Structure formats: C-alpha cells, structure tokens
Amino acid sequence: SNTHLSEGNKIQASCKPSLMYRLQRALPIDKWGVVQNLSVSPADGQYRTKKHKYKMTIADDAVVSS
C-alpha cells in the first residue's frame, strides 16, 4: 500500500552547499515537490535527524519542480 506516501512523512535530505539556495527556493519547507536525480540510502548512524528509515542525497544536476 502507498498510504505512507499520502501521509507526508518527512525524510532527511542532503546536498552540496552550492545547491542549497536553488533547492530552498524550489522546495519550500512543508511543501510537496518533485526531485529527479537523487539517491536513497539507509538512514543510520549518529547524525540521523528523522525517524524515517531512509535518507536522500540530492545530486548537483538534480531537476527540481514544485
């Protein structure tokens, strides 16, 4: 079932500092968006910021739309 997608669970995401300004404009906090070209990996370790079991890393050449 995809009910977890409609609930809007938050996921930890990271990118290079040079990409941050563009992402902040394209993906406002608490808004839905589409990101193409990212990787998803298990969220574990000392710096885990969300309860979600995965985290995403947004690539430099990502395409972002809201």
PDB file of N, CA and C in Angstrom:
ATOM      1  N   SER A   1       0.839  -1.193   0.000  1.00  0.00           N
ATOM      2  CA  SER A   1       0.000   0.000   0.000  1.00  0.00           C
ATOM      3  C   SER A   1       0.877   1.247   0.000  1.00  0.00           C
ATOM      4  N   ASN A   2       0.401   2.311  -0.633  1.00  0.00           N
ATOM      5  CA  ASN A   2       1.145   3.569  -0.693  1.00  0.00           C
ATOM      6  C   ASN A   2       0.593   4.611   0.266  1.00  0.00           C
ATOM      7  N   THR A   3      -0.100   4.191   1.316  1.00  0.00           N
ATOM      8  CA  THR A   3      -0.679   5.172   2.241  1.00  0.00           C
ATOM      9  C   THR A   3       0.394   6.016   2.906  1.00  0.00           C
ATOM     10  N   HIS A   4       1.574   5.454   3.115  1.00  0.00           N
ATOM     11  CA  HIS A   4       2.636   6.240   3.737  1.00  0.00           C
ATOM     12  C   HIS A   4       3.041   7.431   2.872  1.00  0.00           C
ATOM     13  N   LEU A   5       2.864   7.334   1.562  1.00  0.00           N
ATOM     14  CA  LEU A   5       3.200   8.453   0.681  1.00  0.00           C
ATOM     15  C   LEU A   5       2.222   9.608   0.855  1.00  0.00           C
ATOM     16  N   SER A   6       0.952   9.307   1.024  1.00  0.00           N
ATOM     17  CA  SER A   6      -0.047  10.367   1.150  1.00  0.00           C
ATOM     18  C   SER A   6      -0.028  11.025   2.524  1.00  0.00           C
ATOM     19  N   GLU A   7       0.594  10.386   3.508  1.00  0.00           N
ATOM     20  CA  GLU A   7       0.663  10.959   4.845  1.00  0.00           C
ATOM     21  C   GLU A   7       1.713  12.060   4.949  1.00  0.00           C
ATOM     22  N   GLY A   8       2.607  12.146   4.003  1.00  0.00           N
ATOM     23  CA  GLY A   8       3.598  13.213   4.008  1.00  0.00           C
ATOM     24  C   GLY A   8       4.705  13.037   5.020  1.00  0.00           C
ATOM     25  N   ASN A   9       5.205  11.826   5.176  1.00  0.00           N
ATOM     26  CA  ASN A   9       6.309  11.596   6.095  1.00  0.00           C
ATOM     27  C   ASN A   9       7.526  12.403   5.680  1.00  0.00           C
ATOM     28  N   LYS A  10       8.245  12.916   6.665  1.00  0.00           N
ATOM     29  CA  LYS A  10       9.447  13.694   6.374  1.00  0.00           C
ATOM     30  C   LYS A  10      10.640  12.762   6.281  1.00  0.00           C
ATOM     31  N   ILE A  11      11.578  13.125   5.417  1.00  0.00           N
ATOM     32  CA  ILE A  11      12.776  12.329   5.208  1.00  0.00           C
ATOM     33  C   ILE A  11      13.985  13.259   5.263  1.00  0.00           C
ATOM     34  N   GLN A  12      15.070  12.762   5.797  1.00  0.00           N
ATOM     35  CA  GLN A  12      16.309  13.536   5.843  1.00  0.00           C
ATOM     36  C   GLN A  12      16.862  13.660   4.431  1.00  0.00           C
ATOM     37  N   ALA A  13      17.315  14.846   4.072  1.00  0.00           N
ATOM     38  CA  ALA A  13      17.890  15.068   2.745  1.00  0.00           C
ATOM     39  C   ALA A  13      19.151  15.906   2.879  1.00  0.00           C
ATOM     40  N   SER A  14      20.084  15.697   1.970  1.00  0.00           N
ATOM     41  CA  SER A  14      21.305  16.495   1.975  1.00  0.00           C
ATOM     42  C   SER A  14      21.712  16.814   0.543  1.00  0.00           C
ATOM     43  N   CYS A  15      22.505  17.871   0.416  1.00  0.00           N
ATOM     44  CA  CYS A  15      23.051  18.275  -0.877  1.00  0.00           C
ATOM     45  C   CYS A  15      24.308  19.092  -0.608  1.00  0.00           C
ATOM     46  N   LYS A  16      25.028  19.397  -1.659  1.00  0.00           N
ATOM     47  CA  LYS A  16      26.216  20.242  -1.513  1.00  0.00           C
ATOM     48  C   LYS A  16      25.788  21.678  -1.216  1.00  0.00           C
ATOM     49  N   PRO A  17      26.594  22.424  -0.474  1.00  0.00           N
ATOM     50  CA  PRO A  17      26.245  23.816  -0.150  1.00  0.00           C
ATOM     51  C   PRO A  17      25.957  24.669  -1.386  1.00  0.00           C
ATOM     52  N   SER A  18      26.629  24.408  -2.491  1.00  0.00           N
ATOM     53  CA  SER A  18      26.427  25.200  -3.706  1.00  0.00           C
ATOM     54  C   SER A  18      25.033  25.014  -4.301  1.00  0.00           C
ATOM     55  N   LEU A  19      24.325  23.972  -3.926  1.00  0.00           N
ATOM     56  CA  LEU A  19      22.992  23.686  -4.438  1.00  0.00           C
ATOM     57  C   LEU A  19      21.891  24.164  -3.489  1.00  0.00           C
ATOM     58  N   MET A  20      22.253  24.513  -2.268  1.00  0.00           N
ATOM     59  CA  MET A  20      21.272  24.794  -1.224  1.00  0.00           C
ATOM     60  C   MET A  20      20.323  25.941  -1.575  1.00  0.00           C
ATOM     61  N   TYR A  21      20.802  27.066  -2.077  1.00  0.00           N
ATOM     62  CA  TYR A  21      19.934  28.213  -2.360  1.00  0.00           C
ATOM     63  C   TYR A  21      18.874  27.858  -3.399  1.00  0.00           C
ATOM     64  N   ARG A  22      19.284  27.172  -4.461  1.00  0.00           N
ATOM     65  CA  ARG A  22      18.329  26.776  -5.507  1.00  0.00           C
ATOM     66  C   ARG A  22      17.272  25.831  -4.944  1.00  0.00           C
ATOM     67  N   LEU A  23      17.675  24.904  -4.103  1.00  0.00           N
ATOM     68  CA  LEU A  23      16.719  23.964  -3.513  1.00  0.00           C
ATOM     69  C   LEU A  23      15.775  24.646  -2.536  1.00  0.00           C
ATOM     70  N   GLN A  24      16.272  25.591  -1.766  1.00  0.00           N
ATOM     71  CA  GLN A  24      15.412  26.302  -0.813  1.00  0.00           C
ATOM     72  C   GLN A  24      14.301  27.056  -1.531  1.00  0.00           C
ATOM     73  N   ARG A  25      14.603  27.615  -2.687  1.00  0.00           N
ATOM     74  CA  ARG A  25      13.575  28.318  -3.463  1.00  0.00           C
ATOM     75  C   ARG A  25      12.606  27.349  -4.121  1.00  0.00           C
ATOM     76  N   ALA A  26      13.121  26.250  -4.645  1.00  0.00           N
ATOM     77  CA  ALA A  26      12.290  25.305  -5.389  1.00  0.00           C
ATOM     78  C   ALA A  26      11.477  24.377  -4.482  1.00  0.00           C
ATOM     79  N   LEU A  27      11.971  24.114  -3.276  1.00  0.00           N
ATOM     80  CA  LEU A  27      11.303  23.187  -2.355  1.00  0.00           C
ATOM     81  C   LEU A  27      11.107  23.834  -0.988  1.00  0.00           C
ATOM     82  N   PRO A  28      10.114  24.689  -0.843  1.00  0.00           N
ATOM     83  CA  PRO A  28       9.870  25.315   0.463  1.00  0.00           C
ATOM     84  C   PRO A  28       9.540  24.256   1.520  1.00  0.00           C
ATOM     85  N   ILE A  29       9.852  24.532   2.759  1.00  0.00           N
ATOM     86  CA  ILE A  29       9.570  23.616   3.865  1.00  0.00           C
ATOM     87  C   ILE A  29       8.075  23.323   3.926  1.00  0.00           C
ATOM     88  N   ASP A  30       7.745  22.071   4.153  1.00  0.00           N
ATOM     89  CA  ASP A  30       6.366  21.580   4.275  1.00  0.00           C
ATOM     90  C   ASP A  30       5.560  21.657   2.980  1.00  0.00           C
ATOM     91  N   LYS A  31       6.216  21.750   1.836  1.00  0.00           N
ATOM     92  CA  LYS A  31       5.537  21.732   0.536  1.00  0.00           C
ATOM     93  C   LYS A  31       6.014  20.513  -0.251  1.00  0.00           C
ATOM     94  N   TRP A  32       5.141  20.000  -1.100  1.00  0.00           N
ATOM     95  CA  TRP A  32       5.490  18.872  -1.946  1.00  0.00           C
ATOM     96  C   TRP A  32       6.273  19.348  -3.156  1.00  0.00           C
ATOM     97  N   GLY A  33       7.176  18.512  -3.643  1.00  0.00           N
ATOM     98  CA  GLY A  33       7.926  18.814  -4.842  1.00  0.00           C
ATOM     99  C   GLY A  33       8.401  17.530  -5.492  1.00  0.00           C
ATOM    100  N   VAL A  34       8.910  17.655  -6.699  1.00  0.00           N
ATOM    101  CA  VAL A  34       9.444  16.514  -7.432  1.00  0.00           C
ATOM    102  C   VAL A  34      10.927  16.763  -7.653  1.00  0.00           C
ATOM    103  N   VAL A  35      11.742  15.782  -7.292  1.00  0.00           N
ATOM    104  CA  VAL A  35      13.192  15.878  -7.468  1.00  0.00           C
ATOM    105  C   VAL A  35      13.627  14.710  -8.335  1.00  0.00           C
ATOM    106  N   GLN A  36      14.302  15.021  -9.426  1.00  0.00           N
ATOM    107  CA  GLN A  36      14.855  13.983 -10.293  1.00  0.00           C
ATOM    108  C   GLN A  36      16.359  13.976 -10.118  1.00  0.00           C
ATOM    109  N   ASN A  37      16.929  12.814 -10.043  1.00  0.00           N
ATOM    110  CA  ASN A  37      18.360  12.577  -9.879  1.00  0.00           C
ATOM    111  C   ASN A  37      18.781  12.741  -8.419  1.00  0.00           C
ATOM    112  N   LEU A  38      18.434  11.743  -7.650  1.00  0.00           N
ATOM    113  CA  LEU A  38      18.832  11.681  -6.248  1.00  0.00           C
ATOM    114  C   LEU A  38      19.099  10.233  -5.889  1.00  0.00           C
ATOM    115  N   SER A  39      19.755  10.023  -4.776  1.00  0.00           N
ATOM    116  CA  SER A  39      19.979   8.661  -4.306  1.00  0.00           C
ATOM    117  C   SER A  39      19.324   8.490  -2.945  1.00  0.00           C
ATOM    118  N   VAL A  40      18.909   7.273  -2.663  1.00  0.00           N
ATOM    119  CA  VAL A  40      18.267   6.937  -1.396  1.00  0.00           C
ATOM    120  C   VAL A  40      19.097   5.843  -0.740  1.00  0.00           C
ATOM    121  N   SER A  41      19.372   6.011   0.548  1.00  0.00           N
ATOM    122  CA  SER A  41      20.170   5.029   1.281  1.00  0.00           C
ATOM    123  C   SER A  41      19.629   4.889   2.699  1.00  0.00           C
ATOM    124  N   PRO A  42      19.995   3.820   3.394  1.00  0.00           N
ATOM    125  CA  PRO A  42      19.518   3.652   4.769  1.00  0.00           C
ATOM    126  C   PRO A  42      19.971   4.813   5.658  1.00  0.00           C
ATOM    127  N   ALA A  43      19.073   5.264   6.515  1.00  0.00           N
ATOM    128  CA  ALA A  43      19.398   6.342   7.463  1.00  0.00           C
ATOM    129  C   ALA A  43      19.798   5.693   8.776  1.00  0.00           C
ATOM    130  N   ASP A  44      21.063   5.724   9.052  1.00  0.00           N
ATOM    131  CA  ASP A  44      21.536   5.169  10.307  1.00  0.00           C
ATOM    132  C   ASP A  44      22.697   6.016  10.798  1.00  0.00           C
ATOM    133  N   GLY A  45      23.211   5.687  11.908  1.00  0.00           N
ATOM    134  CA  GLY A  45      24.366   6.403  12.414  1.00  0.00           C
ATOM    135  C   GLY A  45      24.022   7.508  13.383  1.00  0.00           C
ATOM    136  N   GLN A  46      25.032   8.211  13.771  1.00  0.00           N
ATOM    137  CA  GLN A  46      24.970   9.211  14.828  1.00  0.00           C
ATOM    138  C   GLN A  46      24.167  10.452  14.448  1.00  0.00           C
ATOM    139  N   TYR A  47      24.140  10.841  13.189  1.00  0.00           N
ATOM    140  CA  TYR A  47      23.538  12.115  12.783  1.00  0.00           C
ATOM    141  C   TYR A  47      22.157  11.961  12.157  1.00  0.00           C
ATOM    142  N   ARG A  48      21.450  10.923  12.490  1.00  0.00           N
ATOM    143  CA  ARG A  48      20.104  10.688  11.966  1.00  0.00           C
ATOM    144  C   ARG A  48      19.157  11.747  12.526  1.00  0.00           C
ATOM    145  N   THR A  49      18.491  12.500  11.639  1.00  0.00           N
ATOM    146  CA  THR A  49      17.650  13.621  12.086  1.00  0.00           C
ATOM    147  C   THR A  49      16.160  13.327  12.038  1.00  0.00           C
ATOM    148  N   LYS A  50      15.746  12.282  11.371  1.00  0.00           N
ATOM    149  CA  LYS A  50      14.330  11.926  11.246  1.00  0.00           C
ATOM    150  C   LYS A  50      14.152  10.456  11.606  1.00  0.00           C
ATOM    151  N   LYS A  51      12.917  10.056  11.902  1.00  0.00           N
ATOM    152  CA  LYS A  51      12.627   8.659  12.212  1.00  0.00           C
ATOM    153  C   LYS A  51      12.541   7.798  10.956  1.00  0.00           C
ATOM    154  N   HIS A  52      12.452   8.437   9.798  1.00  0.00           N
ATOM    155  CA  HIS A  52      12.351   7.709   8.529  1.00  0.00           C
ATOM    156  C   HIS A  52      13.561   6.790   8.385  1.00  0.00           C
ATOM    157  N   LYS A  53      13.345   5.579   7.868  1.00  0.00           N
ATOM    158  CA  LYS A  53      14.464   4.636   7.795  1.00  0.00           C
ATOM    159  C   LYS A  53      15.383   4.866   6.597  1.00  0.00           C
ATOM    160  N   TYR A  54      15.038   5.828   5.740  1.00  0.00           N
ATOM    161  CA  TYR A  54      15.898   6.162   4.605  1.00  0.00           C
ATOM    162  C   TYR A  54      16.228   7.651   4.607  1.00  0.00           C
ATOM    163  N   LYS A  55      17.286   8.006   3.901  1.00  0.00           N
ATOM    164  CA  LYS A  55      17.649   9.411   3.687  1.00  0.00           C
ATOM    165  C   LYS A  55      17.934   9.577   2.202  1.00  0.00           C
ATOM    166  N   MET A  56      17.825  10.815   1.721  1.00  0.00           N
ATOM    167  CA  MET A  56      18.117  11.042   0.305  1.00  0.00           C
ATOM    168  C   MET A  56      19.225  12.072   0.153  1.00  0.00           C
ATOM    169  N   THR A  57      20.009  11.872  -0.881  1.00  0.00           N
ATOM    170  CA  THR A  57      21.082  12.794  -1.235  1.00  0.00           C
ATOM    171  C   THR A  57      20.766  13.328  -2.619  1.00  0.00           C
ATOM    172  N   ILE A  58      20.654  14.650  -2.720  1.00  0.00           N
ATOM    173  CA  ILE A  58      20.268  15.291  -3.977  1.00  0.00           C
ATOM    174  C   ILE A  58      21.530  15.620  -4.766  1.00  0.00           C
ATOM    175  N   ALA A  59      21.577  15.153  -6.015  1.00  0.00           N
ATOM    176  CA  ALA A  59      22.749  15.329  -6.871  1.00  0.00           C
ATOM    177  C   ALA A  59      22.865  16.769  -7.370  1.00  0.00           C
ATOM    178  N   ASP A  60      24.068  17.153  -7.745  1.00  0.00           N
ATOM    179  CA  ASP A  60      24.331  18.514  -8.245  1.00  0.00           C
ATOM    180  C   ASP A  60      23.498  18.853  -9.476  1.00  0.00           C
ATOM    181  N   ASP A  61      23.239  17.866 -10.322  1.00  0.00           N
ATOM    182  CA  ASP A  61      22.491  18.121 -11.559  1.00  0.00           C
ATOM    183  C   ASP A  61      21.010  17.756 -11.415  1.00  0.00           C
ATOM    184  N   ALA A  62      20.499  17.791 -10.203  1.00  0.00           N
ATOM    185  CA  ALA A  62      19.096  17.450  -9.949  1.00  0.00           C
ATOM    186  C   ALA A  62      18.161  18.430 -10.644  1.00  0.00           C
ATOM    187  N   VAL A  63      17.017  17.905 -11.079  1.00  0.00           N
ATOM    188  CA  VAL A  63      15.951  18.715 -11.655  1.00  0.00           C
ATOM    189  C   VAL A  63      14.851  18.775 -10.606  1.00  0.00           C
ATOM    190  N   VAL A  64      14.465  19.992 -10.213  1.00  0.00           N
ATOM    191  CA  VAL A  64      13.511  20.179  -9.127  1.00  0.00           C
ATOM    192  C   VAL A  64      12.320  20.972  -9.635  1.00  0.00           C
ATOM    193  N   SER A  65      11.112  20.493  -9.315  1.00  0.00           N
ATOM    194  CA  SER A  65       9.901  21.239  -9.664  1.00  0.00           C
ATOM    195  C   SER A  65       8.909  21.124  -8.518  1.00  0.00           C
ATOM    196  N   SER A  66       8.071  22.150  -8.387  1.00  0.00           N
ATOM    197  CA  SER A  66       7.091  22.139  -7.296  1.00  0.00           C
ATOM    198  C   SER A  66       5.691  21.994  -7.845  1.00  0.00           C
TER     199      SER A  66
END
